[in-house]
Protein backbone atom coordinates (compact mmCIF):
# COMPACT_ATOMS: atom_id res chain seq x y z
CA MET A 1 15.76 11.19 -1.70
CA ASN A 2 14.99 13.26 -4.80
CA THR A 3 14.86 12.09 -8.42
CA SER A 4 18.49 12.80 -9.33
CA GLU A 5 19.80 11.15 -6.15
CA TYR A 6 17.56 8.19 -6.75
CA LYS A 7 18.84 7.62 -10.28
CA SER A 8 22.39 7.28 -8.95
CA PHE A 9 21.18 5.02 -6.17
CA LEU A 10 19.26 2.85 -8.65
CA HIS A 11 22.45 2.05 -10.55
CA ILE A 12 23.75 0.23 -7.45
CA CYS A 13 20.36 -1.36 -6.81
CA ASN A 14 20.15 -2.72 -10.34
CA LYS A 15 23.40 -4.63 -9.83
CA ASN A 16 22.16 -5.96 -6.51
CA VAL A 17 18.92 -7.23 -8.06
CA ASN A 18 20.77 -9.04 -10.84
CA ASN A 19 23.31 -10.61 -8.49
CA SER A 20 21.10 -11.37 -5.49
CA ASP A 21 20.24 -14.93 -4.47
CA PHE A 22 17.69 -14.01 -1.77
CA GLU A 23 14.70 -16.32 -1.22
CA LEU A 24 11.34 -14.73 -1.89
CA PHE A 25 8.20 -15.33 0.17
CA ASN A 26 6.28 -18.36 -1.10
CA PRO A 27 3.05 -19.27 0.76
CA LYS A 28 2.04 -21.89 -1.84
CA ASN A 29 1.93 -24.88 0.54
CA MET A 30 0.03 -22.98 3.25
CA VAL A 31 -2.42 -21.61 0.69
CA HIS A 32 -3.28 -24.99 -0.80
CA SER A 33 -3.67 -26.61 2.61
CA THR A 34 -6.03 -23.83 3.77
CA PHE A 35 -8.07 -22.87 0.70
CA ASP A 36 -9.79 -25.07 -1.88
CA ASP A 37 -9.64 -22.35 -4.52
CA ILE A 38 -7.29 -19.46 -3.76
CA ASP A 39 -8.11 -17.61 -7.00
CA LYS A 40 -11.80 -17.63 -6.11
CA LEU A 41 -10.99 -16.33 -2.63
CA ARG A 42 -8.73 -13.55 -3.98
CA ASN A 43 -11.42 -12.44 -6.43
CA LYS A 44 -14.01 -12.38 -3.66
CA ALA A 45 -11.70 -10.40 -1.36
CA TYR A 46 -11.14 -7.89 -4.18
CA ARG A 47 -14.89 -7.50 -4.75
CA VAL A 48 -15.54 -7.05 -1.03
CA ARG A 49 -12.94 -4.30 -0.75
CA GLN A 50 -14.01 -2.61 -3.99
CA LYS A 51 -17.63 -2.61 -2.83
CA PHE A 52 -16.59 -0.23 -0.07
CA ILE A 53 -14.16 1.88 -2.13
CA ASN A 54 -16.55 2.41 -5.05
CA ASN A 55 -19.13 3.97 -2.72
CA ILE A 56 -16.75 5.25 -0.08
CA VAL A 57 -18.55 8.47 0.90
CA ASP A 58 -21.94 6.85 1.56
CA ASN A 59 -20.30 3.91 3.34
CA LEU A 60 -18.30 6.17 5.66
CA LEU A 61 -21.43 8.16 6.50
CA LEU A 62 -23.29 4.92 7.25
CA PHE A 63 -20.43 3.81 9.50
CA GLU A 64 -20.66 7.13 11.34
CA LYS A 65 -24.40 6.66 11.83
CA ASN A 66 -23.89 3.14 13.17
CA ILE A 67 -21.03 4.05 15.53
CA LEU A 68 -23.01 6.99 16.96
CA SER A 69 -26.02 4.73 17.57
CA LYS A 70 -23.77 2.64 19.83
CA LYS A 71 -22.70 5.74 21.76
CA GLY A 72 -19.29 5.79 20.09
CA LYS A 73 -17.74 9.08 19.02
CA ILE A 74 -16.15 9.82 15.68
CA ASN A 75 -13.50 12.35 14.65
CA TRP A 76 -12.86 13.20 11.00
CA CYS A 77 -9.28 14.26 10.24
CA LEU A 78 -8.15 15.69 6.92
CA SER A 79 -4.41 15.42 7.60
CA TYR A 80 -1.97 14.10 10.20
CA GLU A 81 -1.70 17.61 11.67
CA ASP A 82 -5.46 17.66 12.06
CA PHE A 83 -5.36 14.21 13.66
CA THR A 84 -2.59 15.22 16.07
CA GLU A 85 -4.51 18.31 17.19
CA GLN A 86 -7.78 16.43 17.77
CA LEU A 87 -6.09 13.52 19.56
CA LEU A 88 -4.18 15.79 21.94
CA ASN A 89 -7.35 17.76 22.67
CA LEU A 90 -9.10 14.53 23.62
CA LEU A 91 -6.23 13.31 25.83
CA ASN A 92 -5.90 16.70 27.53
CA ASN A 93 -9.65 16.98 28.13
CA LYS A 94 -9.63 13.52 29.70
CA LYS A 95 -6.46 14.40 31.66
CA ILE A 96 -4.70 11.32 30.31
CA LYS A 97 -0.93 11.25 30.88
CA SER A 98 -0.28 7.64 29.90
CA VAL A 99 -1.81 5.29 27.33
CA ASN A 100 -1.26 1.78 26.03
CA ALA A 101 -0.33 2.48 22.43
CA PHE A 102 -0.27 -0.32 19.88
CA PHE A 103 1.89 1.03 17.07
CA SER A 104 1.46 0.07 13.42
CA ASN A 105 2.46 1.24 9.95
CA PHE A 106 -0.41 3.72 9.95
CA THR A 107 0.37 5.17 13.40
CA GLU A 108 3.97 5.53 12.22
CA GLU A 109 2.71 7.43 9.16
CA LEU A 110 0.84 9.78 11.51
CA GLY A 111 3.85 10.18 13.82
CA LEU A 112 1.92 8.95 16.86
CA LYS A 113 4.95 7.74 18.82
CA GLU A 114 6.77 11.06 18.40
CA THR A 115 3.62 13.03 19.27
CA LEU A 116 3.11 11.17 22.54
CA LYS A 117 6.79 11.48 23.41
CA ASN A 118 6.88 15.22 22.70
CA GLU A 119 3.80 15.79 24.86
CA GLY A 120 5.23 13.76 27.73
CA ILE A 121 2.55 11.09 27.42
CA SER A 122 3.80 7.59 28.22
CA SER A 123 2.97 4.91 25.63
CA PHE A 124 2.59 2.29 28.38
CA SER A 125 0.06 2.62 31.17
CA LYS A 126 -0.19 0.44 34.28
CA GLU A 127 -3.60 1.82 35.18
CA ASN A 128 -4.83 0.98 31.65
CA LYS A 129 -7.29 3.84 31.48
CA CYS A 130 -6.80 4.45 27.77
CA SER A 131 -5.55 2.40 24.80
CA ILE A 132 -4.84 3.48 21.24
CA LEU A 133 -5.01 1.01 18.35
CA SER A 134 -5.11 1.06 14.57
CA PRO A 135 -7.38 -1.90 13.64
CA ASP A 136 -6.70 -3.96 10.54
CA LEU A 137 -10.23 -3.39 9.26
CA ALA A 138 -13.48 -1.75 10.33
CA VAL A 139 -16.92 -3.04 9.43
CA VAL A 140 -19.61 -0.62 8.29
CA ASP A 141 -22.85 -2.48 9.02
CA THR A 142 -21.99 -3.37 12.65
CA ALA A 143 -19.57 -0.51 13.44
CA SER A 144 -17.03 -3.19 14.47
CA MET A 145 -13.22 -3.16 14.54
CA PHE A 146 -11.25 -6.21 13.45
CA SER A 147 -7.76 -6.33 14.97
CA VAL A 148 -4.90 -8.83 14.91
CA PHE A 149 -2.82 -9.14 18.10
CA ASP A 150 0.60 -10.63 18.77
CA SER A 151 -0.31 -12.04 22.18
CA VAL A 152 -3.22 -12.72 24.51
CA PHE A 153 -1.74 -10.19 26.94
CA GLU A 154 -1.94 -7.42 24.34
CA MET A 155 -5.51 -8.30 23.42
CA GLU A 156 -6.72 -8.41 27.02
CA LEU A 157 -4.86 -5.20 27.80
CA PHE A 158 -6.70 -3.40 25.03
CA LEU A 159 -10.12 -4.89 25.73
CA ASP A 160 -9.91 -3.99 29.44
CA SER A 161 -9.25 -0.30 28.71
CA LYS A 162 -11.98 2.10 29.78
CA ILE A 163 -11.25 4.46 26.89
CA LYS A 164 -10.58 2.87 23.51
CA ILE A 165 -9.23 5.02 20.69
CA PHE A 166 -9.26 3.54 17.17
CA ILE A 167 -7.29 5.19 14.36
CA LEU A 168 -8.19 4.35 10.76
CA PRO A 169 -7.38 5.60 7.26
CA ILE A 170 -10.48 6.28 5.18
CA ASN A 171 -10.02 3.10 3.12
CA LYS A 172 -9.59 0.37 5.79
CA PHE A 173 -13.22 -0.79 5.83
CA ILE A 174 -15.47 -3.56 4.54
CA CYS A 175 -19.24 -3.24 4.26
CA ASN A 176 -20.49 -6.44 5.91
CA ILE A 177 -19.47 -8.44 8.99
CA SER A 178 -20.30 -11.67 7.11
CA ASP A 179 -17.18 -11.14 4.98
CA ILE A 180 -14.71 -10.90 7.85
CA ASP A 181 -13.85 -14.63 7.80
CA ILE A 182 -12.17 -14.18 4.42
CA PHE A 183 -9.72 -11.70 5.86
CA THR A 184 -9.06 -13.72 9.02
CA ASN A 185 -7.56 -16.46 6.84
CA ILE A 186 -5.81 -13.98 4.56
CA PHE A 187 -4.09 -12.16 7.42
CA SER A 188 -3.04 -15.48 8.91
CA ILE A 189 -1.10 -16.59 5.82
CA TYR A 190 -0.12 -13.39 4.04
CA LYS A 191 0.63 -11.16 7.03
CA LYS A 192 1.64 -13.55 9.83
CA ASN A 193 3.05 -16.26 7.52
CA THR A 194 1.28 -19.10 9.31
CA SER A 195 -1.48 -21.54 8.40
CA PHE A 196 -2.69 -21.55 12.02
CA PRO A 197 -5.57 -19.27 13.07
CA ILE A 198 -4.30 -15.87 14.13
CA LEU A 199 -5.10 -14.19 17.43
CA SER A 200 -7.74 -11.65 16.49
CA ASN A 201 -10.71 -9.84 17.94
CA ILE A 202 -13.83 -8.15 16.62
CA PHE A 203 -14.78 -5.28 18.91
CA THR A 204 -18.21 -3.71 18.65
CA PRO A 205 -19.12 -0.77 20.90
CA SER A 206 -22.17 -1.24 23.08
CA SER A 207 -24.56 1.45 24.25
CA LEU A 208 -24.97 -0.59 27.45
CA ASP A 209 -21.32 -0.08 28.53
CA ASN A 210 -21.83 3.20 30.35
CA ASP A 211 -18.43 3.00 32.06
CA LYS A 212 -16.50 2.64 28.77
CA GLU A 213 -15.92 5.05 25.90
CA THR A 214 -15.07 4.45 22.25
CA TYR A 215 -13.50 7.05 19.95
CA VAL A 216 -12.82 6.50 16.26
CA PHE A 217 -10.45 8.76 14.32
CA ILE A 218 -10.87 8.46 10.54
CA VAL A 219 -7.94 10.07 8.77
CA ASP A 220 -7.72 11.00 5.09
CA ASN A 221 -4.07 12.15 4.89
CA SER A 222 -4.38 12.70 1.10
CA ARG A 223 -5.83 9.26 0.28
CA SER A 224 -8.90 10.91 -1.25
CA ASN A 225 -6.59 12.25 -4.00
CA LEU A 226 -6.65 8.76 -5.52
CA LEU A 227 -10.43 8.71 -5.86
CA ALA A 228 -10.23 10.92 -8.95
CA PHE A 229 -8.38 8.17 -10.85
CA LYS A 230 -10.39 5.23 -12.18
CA GLU A 231 -7.47 2.78 -12.10
CA GLN A 232 -5.16 4.07 -9.38
CA ARG A 233 -8.00 4.23 -6.83
CA LYS A 234 -7.93 0.41 -6.78
CA ILE A 235 -4.80 0.55 -4.63
CA LEU A 236 -6.97 1.82 -1.76
CA SER A 237 -8.18 -1.79 -1.42
CA CYS A 238 -4.74 -2.75 -0.08
CA ILE A 239 -4.99 -4.40 3.36
CA ASP A 240 -1.35 -3.70 4.29
CA CYS A 241 -0.38 -7.37 4.68
CA GLY A 242 3.11 -6.76 3.27
CA ALA A 243 3.12 -9.85 1.01
CA CYS A 244 4.09 -7.82 -2.07
CA LYS A 245 7.25 -6.57 -0.34
CA ARG A 246 8.36 -10.11 0.38
CA VAL A 247 8.18 -11.16 -3.29
CA CYS A 248 9.55 -7.97 -4.86
CA PRO A 249 13.17 -8.47 -6.00
CA VAL A 250 13.75 -4.71 -6.08
CA TYR A 251 12.46 -4.11 -2.56
CA GLN A 252 14.36 -7.11 -1.19
CA SER A 253 17.51 -5.51 -2.56
CA ILE A 254 17.00 -1.85 -1.70
CA LYS A 255 14.70 -2.07 1.38
CA ASP A 256 13.22 1.19 2.74
CA GLU A 257 15.97 3.75 2.03
CA PRO A 258 14.90 5.21 -1.34
CA TYR A 259 11.29 5.80 -0.30
CA SER A 260 11.96 8.49 2.33
CA ASN A 261 8.57 7.56 3.76
CA THR A 262 6.88 5.17 6.16
CA ILE A 263 5.03 3.59 3.21
CA THR A 264 7.41 1.37 1.23
CA GLY A 265 7.42 -1.46 -1.30
CA PRO A 266 5.39 -1.97 -4.50
CA VAL A 267 2.28 -0.29 -3.06
CA ALA A 268 4.35 2.82 -2.33
CA ASN A 269 5.41 2.92 -5.99
CA VAL A 270 1.74 3.44 -6.85
CA ILE A 271 0.40 5.49 -3.97
CA LEU A 272 3.11 7.89 -2.77
CA PRO A 273 3.04 10.32 -5.73
CA TYR A 274 -0.60 11.02 -4.84
CA LEU A 275 -0.21 11.02 -1.06
CA GLU A 276 2.83 13.30 -1.12
CA ASN A 277 3.63 15.07 -4.41
CA TYR A 278 4.48 14.20 -7.99
CA GLU A 279 7.80 16.03 -8.11
CA ASN A 280 9.58 14.14 -5.35
CA TYR A 281 7.88 10.74 -5.72
CA LYS A 282 7.18 10.22 -9.44
CA HIS A 283 10.44 8.29 -9.83
CA LEU A 284 9.10 5.49 -7.62
CA SER A 285 6.83 4.35 -10.45
CA TYR A 286 10.03 3.41 -12.28
CA ASN A 287 11.31 1.53 -9.24
CA CYS A 288 9.98 -1.69 -10.76
CA LEU A 289 11.07 -4.52 -13.06
CA LEU A 290 7.43 -5.24 -14.01
CA CYS A 291 8.00 -8.90 -13.10
CA GLY A 292 4.44 -9.14 -11.78
CA ASN A 293 5.32 -10.92 -8.52
CA CYS A 294 3.36 -8.36 -6.50
CA SER A 295 0.18 -8.82 -8.54
CA SER A 296 0.46 -12.61 -8.42
CA ILE A 297 0.86 -12.76 -4.62
CA CYS A 298 -1.66 -10.07 -3.60
CA PRO A 299 -4.41 -11.74 -1.53
CA VAL A 300 -6.98 -9.14 -2.59
CA ASN A 301 -6.00 -9.54 -6.25
CA LEU A 302 -4.76 -5.98 -6.81
CA PRO A 303 -3.16 -5.48 -10.26
CA ILE A 304 -0.19 -3.63 -8.74
CA LYS A 305 2.04 -4.03 -11.79
CA ASP A 306 -0.67 -2.60 -14.07
CA LEU A 307 -1.19 0.33 -11.70
CA ILE A 308 2.53 1.14 -11.81
CA VAL A 309 2.28 1.18 -15.62
CA GLU A 310 -0.79 3.46 -15.33
CA ASN A 311 1.29 5.85 -13.22
CA ARG A 312 4.03 5.95 -15.86
CA LYS A 313 1.45 6.63 -18.54
CA PHE A 314 -0.15 9.39 -16.46
CA PHE A 315 3.18 11.12 -15.74
CA PHE A 316 4.20 11.04 -19.40
CA GLU A 317 0.86 12.24 -20.80
CA ASN A 318 0.68 15.08 -18.28
CA LYS A 319 4.33 16.10 -18.77
CA ILE A 320 5.18 15.47 -15.14
CA LEU A 321 8.44 13.69 -15.96
CA ASP A 322 11.78 15.48 -15.90
CA PHE A 323 12.62 17.17 -19.20
CA GLU A 324 15.42 14.73 -20.10
CA ASP A 325 13.18 11.72 -19.33
CA ASN A 326 10.39 13.13 -21.48
CA LEU A 327 12.84 13.76 -24.30
CA LEU A 328 14.21 10.23 -24.05
CA ILE A 329 10.71 8.68 -24.25
CA LEU A 330 9.85 10.79 -27.30
CA SER A 331 13.11 9.75 -28.98
CA LEU A 332 12.45 6.07 -28.27
CA ARG A 333 8.89 6.40 -29.56
CA LYS A 334 10.13 7.97 -32.79
CA PHE A 335 12.78 5.26 -33.19
CA PHE A 336 10.40 2.32 -32.75
CA LEU A 337 7.73 3.79 -35.03
CA ARG A 338 10.07 4.21 -38.00
CA ARG A 339 9.51 1.13 -40.11
CA LYS A 340 12.69 1.66 -42.13
CA LYS A 341 14.82 1.42 -39.00
CA MET A 342 12.83 -1.54 -37.67
CA ASN A 343 13.48 -3.39 -40.94
CA SER A 344 17.25 -2.97 -40.65
CA LYS A 345 19.69 -5.58 -39.36
CA SER A 346 19.37 -6.58 -35.70
CA TRP A 347 22.91 -5.48 -34.80
CA TYR A 348 22.29 -2.10 -36.40
CA LYS A 349 19.04 -1.57 -34.45
CA ARG A 350 20.85 -2.35 -31.22
CA TYR A 351 23.62 0.06 -32.20
CA LEU A 352 21.08 2.86 -32.89
CA LEU A 353 19.29 2.15 -29.63
CA ARG A 354 22.54 2.45 -27.68
CA ARG A 355 23.16 5.81 -29.31
CA ILE A 356 19.75 7.10 -28.26
CA LEU A 357 20.13 6.04 -24.62
CA PRO A 358 22.24 8.30 -22.38
CA LYS A 359 25.34 6.75 -20.84
CA THR A 360 23.79 6.80 -17.36
CA THR A 361 20.73 4.93 -18.66
CA ARG A 362 22.85 2.32 -20.42
CA LYS A 363 24.37 1.49 -17.04
CA LEU A 364 20.95 1.02 -15.49
CA VAL A 365 19.16 -1.06 -18.11
CA TYR A 366 19.84 -4.11 -20.21
CA ILE A 367 19.98 -3.34 -23.94
CA PRO A 368 17.92 -6.12 -25.55
CA GLN A 369 18.99 -8.21 -28.49
CA PHE A 370 16.70 -7.70 -31.47
CA SER A 371 15.37 -10.66 -33.39
CA LYS A 372 17.36 -11.52 -36.51
CA ARG A 373 14.13 -11.55 -38.47
CA THR A 374 12.08 -8.39 -38.75
CA PHE A 375 8.36 -8.10 -38.13
CA ASN A 376 7.75 -7.64 -41.86
CA GLN A 377 9.59 -10.87 -42.65
CA ILE A 378 7.62 -12.83 -40.07
CA GLN A 379 4.31 -11.47 -41.39
CA GLN A 380 5.21 -12.27 -44.98
CA ASP A 381 5.75 -15.92 -44.04
CA LYS A 382 2.21 -16.04 -42.66
CA ILE A 383 0.65 -14.76 -45.87
């Protein structure tokens, strides 16, 4: 969906948001029964994730060193095409015609299911020679993989595989195994929506397992583009729990359709322009009411709302917006900076504002009522 199509679609969405009575995700009771101080935990989770992101290159190289010392093998992939080529080479060299594939949001992004299908490789294997999994987190210092499973059968199926293939984006790591307990509790409540302990496993390759093989594919797929931005790079700390989607009134109304991507929700509003391209995805940064629900719920304390605002600022300052949008912002800026107009009657200011806004925009946004007293009048009373 391109920008012009999206603007028409947003008109319908705006009505849905205003008229919807859907119930948003609220883990308050589970949080307070599990954690003594949730704000302290969120801040710690943020620091743990940022510790990896802020030194990502050295940390990834250290992970490679540690995985190789345990006789694991690592494959670096710049894009999903690169990943597909390397994965198929591995499967063909091992003469593997069936695997047990555990699909996730990230494997969907990489098109793993379609790749296996097109190559005639079954995604379920009775002989269980090979399994493919995208872990929820990897740990640098122990070269471990932390994974959440839906059932004991799935977990045992994966652990019994002779060849284990892990697929990770470059940002899904933490530095120390001692911090993994934080995320076990976080995934339980924010991803699985339960206060009970989740079924999870920490797998560490062993150089003593001569009959088993471990392969790790680390895929960039344009995520490194975000590292050049001081603020936007924070979104790489996302753990893909999906909590922000469940509290976003816009996403609950429009769902996945306008994103035209496997990544959706508030995080997509921040990240997709950099993962894909500005031209076709810049409009997503305006797919937001700035209510702040996403920032308030995020278990790793990401300032998602602020990052969306940063995107808008970046697109305007670098003239990435459509011409008519740029012109509208300049007109609004000129209007609000003219003190003479701001000192006029409230009804007149609203009338002028309506004249500035295009008809299509007036349908999409609420025209605010101005205060009856001007800023100058309020300041004079304080003197």
